[in-house]
């Protein structure tokens, strides 16, 4: 089971607003991370970061929430790499969100001036036992690639 997905951001408040207001995640645990333990686990001497967990609303049958951990490194500040935005770059490429209404989300993204990669497309085959899938890609304010998916 996945505990969480980490996204390092430049502006933690902007990212938290986006994941909360646009994607419906709830703001959870918050902490400033510093000290020997964070230096050791990251391998980055002098690491100091702000941390905010954004959590999916808990379903009745869930014991663990799906969470995204937002980190903003205060020291040392990291850099962004534009090529990391491309869908074919090696490594973890996107996070997919299951949504009820693709068009409503697209409209919300337009209001937020979010870069949308394409109109929704339909996958030309059934996806496992979930049936037909429609999806589109978009970027969060930090340039991370995200997917919106709807089944039915």
C-alpha atoms as a PDB file:
ATOM      1  CA  UNK A   1       0.000   0.000   0.000  1.00  0.00           C
ATOM      2  CA  UNK A   2       1.296   3.454  -0.850  1.00  0.00           C
ATOM      3  CA  UNK A   3       1.662   5.720   2.197  1.00  0.00           C
ATOM      4  CA  UNK A   4       2.098   8.997   0.320  1.00  0.00           C
ATOM      5  CA  UNK A   5       3.549  10.722  -2.730  1.00  0.00           C
ATOM      6  CA  UNK A   6       6.033  13.559  -2.186  1.00  0.00           C
ATOM      7  CA  UNK A   7       6.150  16.721  -4.291  1.00  0.00           C
ATOM      8  CA  UNK A   8       8.893  19.281  -3.687  1.00  0.00           C
ATOM      9  CA  UNK A   9       7.550  22.765  -4.408  1.00  0.00           C
ATOM     10  CA  UNK A  10       8.822  26.324  -4.604  1.00  0.00           C
ATOM     11  CA  UNK A  11       5.810  27.874  -2.821  1.00  0.00           C
ATOM     12  CA  UNK A  12       4.066  25.595  -0.330  1.00  0.00           C
ATOM     13  CA  UNK A  13       1.072  27.873   0.272  1.00  0.00           C
ATOM     14  CA  UNK A  14       0.360  28.214  -3.449  1.00  0.00           C
ATOM     15  CA  UNK A  15       0.656  24.431  -3.866  1.00  0.00           C
ATOM     16  CA  UNK A  16      -1.572  23.717  -0.839  1.00  0.00           C
ATOM     17  CA  UNK A  17      -4.250  26.110  -2.158  1.00  0.00           C
ATOM     18  CA  UNK A  18      -4.149  24.407  -5.568  1.00  0.00           C
ATOM     19  CA  UNK A  19      -4.391  20.846  -4.240  1.00  0.00           C
ATOM     20  CA  UNK A  20      -7.103  21.919  -1.796  1.00  0.00           C
ATOM     21  CA  UNK A  21      -9.229  24.365  -3.763  1.00  0.00           C
ATOM     22  CA  UNK A  22      -8.897  22.780  -7.214  1.00  0.00           C
ATOM     23  CA  UNK A  23      -8.486  19.054  -6.489  1.00  0.00           C
ATOM     24  CA  UNK A  24     -10.440  18.827  -3.245  1.00  0.00           C
ATOM     25  CA  UNK A  25      -7.715  17.487  -0.960  1.00  0.00           C
ATOM     26  CA  UNK A  26      -7.832  18.429   2.718  1.00  0.00           C
ATOM     27  CA  UNK A  27      -4.975  20.113   4.522  1.00  0.00           C
ATOM     28  CA  UNK A  28      -3.619  17.759   7.183  1.00  0.00           C
ATOM     29  CA  UNK A  29      -0.366  17.404   9.137  1.00  0.00           C
ATOM     30  CA  UNK A  30       1.979  20.404   8.967  1.00  0.00           C
ATOM     31  CA  UNK A  31       5.506  20.655  10.349  1.00  0.00           C
ATOM     32  CA  UNK A  32       8.864  22.304   9.791  1.00  0.00           C
ATOM     33  CA  UNK A  33      11.385  19.530   9.192  1.00  0.00           C
ATOM     34  CA  UNK A  34      14.936  20.081  10.428  1.00  0.00           C
ATOM     35  CA  UNK A  35      17.657  18.427  12.436  1.00  0.00           C
ATOM     36  CA  UNK A  36      19.955  15.468  12.135  1.00  0.00           C
ATOM     37  CA  UNK A  37      17.194  13.013  11.113  1.00  0.00           C
ATOM     38  CA  UNK A  38      16.177  14.986   8.000  1.00  0.00           C
ATOM     39  CA  UNK A  39      19.833  15.500   7.047  1.00  0.00           C
ATOM     40  CA  UNK A  40      20.354  11.739   7.268  1.00  0.00           C
ATOM     41  CA  UNK A  41      17.215  10.612   5.460  1.00  0.00           C
ATOM     42  CA  UNK A  42      17.635  13.077   2.571  1.00  0.00           C
ATOM     43  CA  UNK A  43      21.420  12.992   2.400  1.00  0.00           C
ATOM     44  CA  UNK A  44      21.274  16.808   2.273  1.00  0.00           C
ATOM     45  CA  UNK A  45      23.331  18.451   5.052  1.00  0.00           C
ATOM     46  CA  UNK A  46      21.549  21.394   6.672  1.00  0.00           C
ATOM     47  CA  UNK A  47      18.166  20.461   5.225  1.00  0.00           C
ATOM     48  CA  UNK A  48      15.239  22.503   6.506  1.00  0.00           C
ATOM     49  CA  UNK A  49      11.826  22.214   4.907  1.00  0.00           C
ATOM     50  CA  UNK A  50       8.193  23.113   5.388  1.00  0.00           C
ATOM     51  CA  UNK A  51       5.887  20.087   5.152  1.00  0.00           C
ATOM     52  CA  UNK A  52       2.138  19.970   4.505  1.00  0.00           C
ATOM     53  CA  UNK A  53       0.203  16.760   3.921  1.00  0.00           C
ATOM     54  CA  UNK A  54      -2.801  17.085   1.591  1.00  0.00           C
ATOM     55  CA  UNK A  55      -5.239  14.224   2.150  1.00  0.00           C
ATOM     56  CA  UNK A  56      -8.110  12.751   0.193  1.00  0.00           C
ATOM     57  CA  UNK A  57     -11.365  12.756   2.139  1.00  0.00           C
ATOM     58  CA  UNK A  58     -11.607   9.434   3.965  1.00  0.00           C
ATOM     59  CA  UNK A  59     -14.064   6.896   2.595  1.00  0.00           C
ATOM     60  CA  UNK A  60     -16.108   4.833   5.066  1.00  0.00           C
ATOM     61  CA  UNK A  61     -14.192   1.616   4.285  1.00  0.00           C
ATOM     62  CA  UNK A  62     -10.688   3.149   4.403  1.00  0.00           C
ATOM     63  CA  UNK A  63      -8.265   2.806   7.270  1.00  0.00           C
ATOM     64  CA  UNK A  64      -5.585   4.958   5.579  1.00  0.00           C
ATOM     65  CA  UNK A  65      -6.067   8.129   3.583  1.00  0.00           C
ATOM     66  CA  UNK A  66      -4.304   8.745   0.307  1.00  0.00           C
ATOM     67  CA  UNK A  67      -1.913  11.647   0.932  1.00  0.00           C
ATOM     68  CA  UNK A  68       0.349  13.983  -0.980  1.00  0.00           C
ATOM     69  CA  UNK A  69       3.286  15.361   0.987  1.00  0.00           C
ATOM     70  CA  UNK A  70       4.231  18.856  -0.126  1.00  0.00           C
ATOM     71  CA  UNK A  71       7.752  19.946   0.845  1.00  0.00           C
ATOM     72  CA  UNK A  72       9.304  23.368   0.389  1.00  0.00           C
ATOM     73  CA  UNK A  73      13.023  23.242   1.115  1.00  0.00           C
ATOM     74  CA  UNK A  74      14.076  26.440   2.856  1.00  0.00           C
ATOM     75  CA  UNK A  75      17.720  25.342   2.983  1.00  0.00           C
ATOM     76  CA  UNK A  76      19.240  24.405   0.716  1.00  0.00           C
ATOM     77  CA  UNK A  77      16.767  25.561  -1.909  1.00  0.00           C
ATOM     78  CA  UNK A  78      16.485  23.181  -4.846  1.00  0.00           C
ATOM     79  CA  UNK A  79      16.169  23.899  -8.551  1.00  0.00           C
ATOM     80  CA  UNK A  80      13.583  22.951 -11.131  1.00  0.00           C
ATOM     81  CA  UNK A  81      14.333  21.220 -14.408  1.00  0.00           C
ATOM     82  CA  UNK A  82      12.064  22.058 -17.341  1.00  0.00           C
ATOM     83  CA  UNK A  83      12.647  18.692 -19.042  1.00  0.00           C
ATOM     84  CA  UNK A  84      11.200  17.015 -15.964  1.00  0.00           C
ATOM     85  CA  UNK A  85       7.800  18.319 -17.131  1.00  0.00           C
ATOM     86  CA  UNK A  86       7.797  16.223 -20.298  1.00  0.00           C
ATOM     87  CA  UNK A  87       5.590  13.101 -20.241  1.00  0.00           C
ATOM     88  CA  UNK A  88       8.371  10.930 -21.692  1.00  0.00           C
ATOM     89  CA  UNK A  89      11.094  11.861 -19.175  1.00  0.00           C
ATOM     90  CA  UNK A  90      12.253   8.845 -17.168  1.00  0.00           C
ATOM     91  CA  UNK A  91      11.184   8.588 -13.555  1.00  0.00           C
ATOM     92  CA  UNK A  92       7.911   9.228 -11.797  1.00  0.00           C
ATOM     93  CA  UNK A  93       5.935  11.189 -14.343  1.00  0.00           C
ATOM     94  CA  UNK A  94       2.486  12.025 -13.047  1.00  0.00           C
ATOM     95  CA  UNK A  95      -0.126  11.541 -10.371  1.00  0.00           C
ATOM     96  CA  UNK A  96      -3.614  10.606 -11.557  1.00  0.00           C
ATOM     97  CA  UNK A  97      -6.790  11.814  -9.858  1.00  0.00           C
ATOM     98  CA  UNK A  98     -10.086   9.992 -10.301  1.00  0.00           C
ATOM     99  CA  UNK A  99     -12.793  12.641 -10.809  1.00  0.00           C
ATOM    100  CA  UNK A 100     -16.533  12.485 -11.373  1.00  0.00           C
ATOM    101  CA  UNK A 101     -16.755  15.313 -13.922  1.00  0.00           C
ATOM    102  CA  UNK A 102     -13.841  15.995 -16.285  1.00  0.00           C
ATOM    103  CA  UNK A 103     -15.495  19.077 -17.808  1.00  0.00           C
ATOM    104  CA  UNK A 104     -16.159  20.682 -14.420  1.00  0.00           C
ATOM    105  CA  UNK A 105     -12.516  20.166 -13.453  1.00  0.00           C
ATOM    106  CA  UNK A 106     -11.317  21.581 -16.792  1.00  0.00           C
ATOM    107  CA  UNK A 107     -13.406  24.703 -16.173  1.00  0.00           C
ATOM    108  CA  UNK A 108     -11.970  25.074 -12.671  1.00  0.00           C
ATOM    109  CA  UNK A 109      -8.452  24.671 -14.100  1.00  0.00           C
ATOM    110  CA  UNK A 110      -9.171  27.380 -16.693  1.00  0.00           C
ATOM    111  CA  UNK A 111     -10.289  29.760 -13.926  1.00  0.00           C
ATOM    112  CA  UNK A 112      -6.988  29.071 -12.147  1.00  0.00           C
ATOM    113  CA  UNK A 113      -5.057  29.655 -15.422  1.00  0.00           C
ATOM    114  CA  UNK A 114      -3.649  26.138 -15.252  1.00  0.00           C
ATOM    115  CA  UNK A 115      -1.812  24.798 -18.296  1.00  0.00           C
ATOM    116  CA  UNK A 116      -3.878  21.958 -19.775  1.00  0.00           C
ATOM    117  CA  UNK A 117      -2.087  19.583 -22.145  1.00  0.00           C
ATOM    118  CA  UNK A 118      -5.099  18.373 -24.156  1.00  0.00           C
ATOM    119  CA  UNK A 119      -8.825  17.985 -24.399  1.00  0.00           C
ATOM    120  CA  UNK A 120     -10.123  14.791 -22.730  1.00  0.00           C
ATOM    121  CA  UNK A 121      -9.407  11.662 -24.737  1.00  0.00           C
ATOM    122  CA  UNK A 122     -10.951   8.220 -24.452  1.00  0.00           C
ATOM    123  CA  UNK A 123      -8.692   5.219 -23.994  1.00  0.00           C
ATOM    124  CA  UNK A 124      -9.615   2.844 -26.873  1.00  0.00           C
ATOM    125  CA  UNK A 125      -9.905  -0.215 -24.613  1.00  0.00           C
ATOM    126  CA  UNK A 126     -11.352  -1.129 -21.217  1.00  0.00           C
ATOM    127  CA  UNK A 127      -8.952  -0.416 -18.345  1.00  0.00           C
ATOM    128  CA  UNK A 128      -8.992  -3.518 -16.163  1.00  0.00           C
ATOM    129  CA  UNK A 129     -12.353  -4.062 -14.536  1.00  0.00           C
ATOM    130  CA  UNK A 130     -13.000  -0.304 -14.369  1.00  0.00           C
ATOM    131  CA  UNK A 131     -14.363  -0.070 -17.916  1.00  0.00           C
ATOM    132  CA  UNK A 132     -13.916   2.827 -20.314  1.00  0.00           C
ATOM    133  CA  UNK A 133     -11.633   5.655 -19.275  1.00  0.00           C
ATOM    134  CA  UNK A 134     -11.467   9.300 -20.349  1.00  0.00           C
ATOM    135  CA  UNK A 135      -8.546  11.454 -19.267  1.00  0.00           C
ATOM    136  CA  UNK A 136      -6.466  14.547 -19.806  1.00  0.00           C
ATOM    137  CA  UNK A 137      -3.146  15.855 -18.510  1.00  0.00           C
ATOM    138  CA  UNK A 138      -2.480  19.208 -16.858  1.00  0.00           C
ATOM    139  CA  UNK A 139       0.227  20.880 -14.757  1.00  0.00           C
ATOM    140  CA  UNK A 140       0.097  22.032 -11.160  1.00  0.00           C
ATOM    141  CA  UNK A 141       1.488  25.521 -10.327  1.00  0.00           C
ATOM    142  CA  UNK A 142       4.954  24.007  -9.868  1.00  0.00           C
ATOM    143  CA  UNK A 143       4.973  22.410 -13.320  1.00  0.00           C
ATOM    144  CA  UNK A 144       4.297  18.835 -12.134  1.00  0.00           C
ATOM    145  CA  UNK A 145       2.353  16.713 -14.596  1.00  0.00           C
ATOM    146  CA  UNK A 146      -1.034  15.518 -13.309  1.00  0.00           C
ATOM    147  CA  UNK A 147      -3.808  13.416 -14.850  1.00  0.00           C
ATOM    148  CA  UNK A 148      -7.571  13.690 -14.426  1.00  0.00           C
ATOM    149  CA  UNK A 149      -9.375  10.400 -15.125  1.00  0.00           C
ATOM    150  CA  UNK A 150     -13.032   9.413 -15.219  1.00  0.00           C
ATOM    151  CA  UNK A 151     -14.400   5.900 -15.656  1.00  0.00           C
ATOM    152  CA  UNK A 152     -17.729   4.740 -16.962  1.00  0.00           C
END
